Amino acid sequence: MSSDHTGADTGAGTDGDYEEVTVHDFVGGAPFFVALVDRFYECVMADPVLAPLYPPDDLDGAKHRLAGFLVQFWGGPDTYSQERGHPRLRMRHFPFAIGQDERDRWMHCMRAAVESAHTAPEVEAMLLSYFENAATAMRNQPDR
C-alpha cells in the first residue's frame, strides 16, 4: 500500500487501468474508524491530564467529529466537511493548552487504539505516522 493516505494502486483492472483502494476502503470503512475512536476515548477519559480537555457533556459529539474527520481524511465520504467545513485543526485546537505532555499522552492513547486494531502493518504505520505529525502540529504551548 502506498504512503498516500487517500489510496494505493492495487493492480491492473480488467480494462488495463489501475484500481485505487483508499485506506478507508482497505480497513472496511467507517466502522473501523468509529471503533478506533471509541478505543482512543476510553484511554483519554481515563487520563487525568487529557480528560479535563474534553467536554463531558459532548463526548459523543467529540467522538462523532473525530471519526468523521478520519473517515474523510483516509478516503471516505466528505461528510465531515459538509457538516463542519474545512477541518482547520490548529484553529479548532487553539483554545486548549497543548504542550509536550498533553501531546505525548494523546499520542499514547492513539497509539494504543491503533495497535489494538490489528490492521495490516502498512496501514498501522501510515496511521501512526499521520497521528505523530498531527499531534506535534497541535502543540501550542512552549516546553516547560
Protein backbone atom coordinates (compact mmCIF):
# COMPACT_ATOMS: atom_id res chain seq x y z
CA MET A 1 0.00 0.00 0.00
CA SER A 2 1.23 3.47 -0.85
CA SER A 3 2.01 6.04 1.83
CA ASP A 4 -0.55 8.29 0.13
CA HIS A 5 -3.39 8.38 2.66
CA THR A 6 -6.08 8.52 0.01
CA GLY A 7 -5.29 5.28 -1.70
CA ALA A 8 -2.97 2.89 -3.37
CA ASP A 9 -2.72 1.18 -6.71
CA THR A 10 -3.82 -2.39 -6.27
CA GLY A 11 -3.18 -3.75 -9.70
CA ALA A 12 -4.48 -3.58 -13.21
CA GLY A 13 -8.21 -3.80 -13.62
CA THR A 14 -9.92 -5.56 -16.48
CA ASP A 15 -9.51 -2.55 -18.76
CA GLY A 16 -5.79 -2.16 -18.01
CA ASP A 17 -6.30 0.79 -15.65
CA TYR A 18 -5.17 0.60 -12.06
CA GLU A 19 -7.76 0.37 -9.35
CA GLU A 20 -7.35 2.71 -6.39
CA VAL A 21 -8.18 1.44 -2.93
CA THR A 22 -8.33 4.01 -0.16
CA VAL A 23 -7.21 3.27 3.39
CA HIS A 24 -10.86 3.85 4.29
CA ASP A 25 -11.91 1.05 1.94
CA PHE A 26 -9.00 -1.22 2.86
CA VAL A 27 -9.89 -1.21 6.57
CA GLY A 28 -13.59 -1.76 5.95
CA GLY A 29 -14.90 1.79 6.01
CA ALA A 30 -16.37 3.91 8.78
CA PRO A 31 -16.85 1.10 11.34
CA PHE A 32 -13.05 0.77 11.64
CA PHE A 33 -12.65 4.47 12.45
CA VAL A 34 -15.63 4.54 14.83
CA ALA A 35 -14.12 1.62 16.79
CA LEU A 36 -10.68 3.27 16.71
CA VAL A 37 -12.14 6.49 18.13
CA ASP A 38 -14.07 4.59 20.81
CA ARG A 39 -10.87 2.86 21.98
CA PHE A 40 -8.98 6.16 21.86
CA TYR A 41 -11.55 7.96 24.01
CA GLU A 42 -11.60 5.16 26.58
CA CYS A 43 -7.92 5.92 27.19
CA VAL A 44 -8.37 9.71 27.02
CA MET A 45 -11.16 9.74 29.58
CA ALA A 46 -9.03 7.67 31.98
CA ASP A 47 -6.11 10.10 31.69
CA PRO A 48 -6.09 12.79 34.43
CA VAL A 49 -4.42 15.36 32.16
CA LEU A 50 -6.41 14.75 28.97
CA ALA A 51 -9.90 14.08 30.33
CA PRO A 52 -10.47 17.68 31.51
CA LEU A 53 -9.74 18.94 27.98
CA TYR A 54 -12.80 17.14 26.63
CA PRO A 55 -16.33 18.32 27.39
CA PRO A 56 -18.08 15.50 29.28
CA ASP A 57 -21.47 16.75 28.08
CA ASP A 58 -20.38 16.47 24.43
CA LEU A 59 -18.25 13.33 24.39
CA ASP A 60 -20.49 11.72 21.79
CA GLY A 61 -20.13 14.84 19.64
CA ALA A 62 -16.35 14.79 20.00
CA LYS A 63 -16.28 11.12 19.00
CA HIS A 64 -18.53 11.80 16.00
CA ARG A 65 -16.35 14.69 14.83
CA LEU A 66 -13.07 12.77 15.15
CA ALA A 67 -14.43 9.65 13.47
CA GLY A 68 -15.94 11.76 10.68
CA PHE A 69 -12.68 13.60 10.14
CA LEU A 70 -10.70 10.34 9.99
CA VAL A 71 -13.17 8.73 7.59
CA GLN A 72 -12.85 11.68 5.25
CA PHE A 73 -9.09 12.10 5.63
CA TRP A 74 -8.43 8.46 4.82
CA GLY A 75 -10.53 8.46 1.66
CA GLY A 76 -14.14 8.02 2.73
CA PRO A 77 -17.12 10.29 2.14
CA ASP A 78 -16.70 14.02 2.78
CA THR A 79 -19.47 14.16 5.38
CA TYR A 80 -17.16 15.88 7.89
CA SER A 81 -16.60 18.86 5.57
CA GLN A 82 -20.29 19.00 4.73
CA GLU A 83 -21.13 19.20 8.44
CA ARG A 84 -18.21 21.31 9.72
CA GLY A 85 -16.46 22.95 6.79
CA HIS A 86 -12.69 22.86 6.39
CA PRO A 87 -11.04 20.88 9.22
CA ARG A 88 -8.83 23.79 10.39
CA LEU A 89 -7.30 21.52 13.01
CA ARG A 90 -4.89 24.05 14.52
CA MET A 91 -7.60 26.69 14.81
CA ARG A 92 -10.08 24.28 16.38
CA HIS A 93 -7.50 23.11 18.94
CA PHE A 94 -6.07 26.55 19.75
CA PRO A 95 -8.38 27.19 22.75
CA PHE A 96 -6.85 24.18 24.52
CA ALA A 97 -3.42 24.34 26.16
CA ILE A 98 -1.49 21.60 24.38
CA GLY A 99 2.11 21.20 25.46
CA GLN A 100 4.53 18.31 25.11
CA ASP A 101 2.94 16.35 27.97
CA GLU A 102 -0.57 16.64 26.52
CA ARG A 103 0.75 15.75 23.07
CA ASP A 104 2.57 12.68 24.39
CA ARG A 105 -0.42 11.49 26.42
CA TRP A 106 -2.72 11.98 23.42
CA MET A 107 -0.30 10.03 21.26
CA HIS A 108 -0.07 7.26 23.86
CA CYS A 109 -3.85 6.83 23.69
CA MET A 110 -3.96 6.97 19.90
CA ARG A 111 -1.04 4.55 19.54
CA ALA A 112 -2.79 2.06 21.83
CA ALA A 113 -6.03 2.43 19.86
CA VAL A 114 -4.27 1.92 16.51
CA GLU A 115 -2.21 -1.03 17.71
CA SER A 116 -5.29 -2.73 19.15
CA ALA A 117 -6.97 -2.55 15.73
CA HIS A 118 -4.67 -5.30 14.44
CA THR A 119 -4.74 -3.97 10.90
CA ALA A 120 -2.14 -4.53 8.20
CA PRO A 121 1.34 -3.37 9.26
CA GLU A 122 1.50 -0.89 6.37
CA VAL A 123 -1.79 0.70 7.42
CA GLU A 124 -0.74 0.80 11.08
CA ALA A 125 2.49 2.54 10.10
CA MET A 126 0.64 5.08 7.95
CA LEU A 127 -1.88 5.83 10.70
CA LEU A 128 0.78 6.21 13.38
CA SER A 129 2.95 8.42 11.17
CA TYR A 130 0.00 10.70 10.49
CA PHE A 131 -1.01 10.87 14.15
CA GLU A 132 2.57 11.56 15.28
CA ASN A 133 2.78 14.52 12.91
CA ALA A 134 -0.71 15.79 13.69
CA ALA A 135 -0.19 15.55 17.45
CA THR A 136 3.02 17.54 17.18
CA ALA A 137 1.35 20.16 14.97
CA MET A 138 -1.38 20.75 17.58
CA ARG A 139 1.12 21.83 20.25
CA ASN A 140 0.55 25.47 21.15
CA GLN A 141 2.41 25.76 24.46
CA PRO A 142 6.16 26.12 25.00
CA ASP A 143 8.14 23.39 26.73
CA ARG A 144 8.10 23.78 30.50
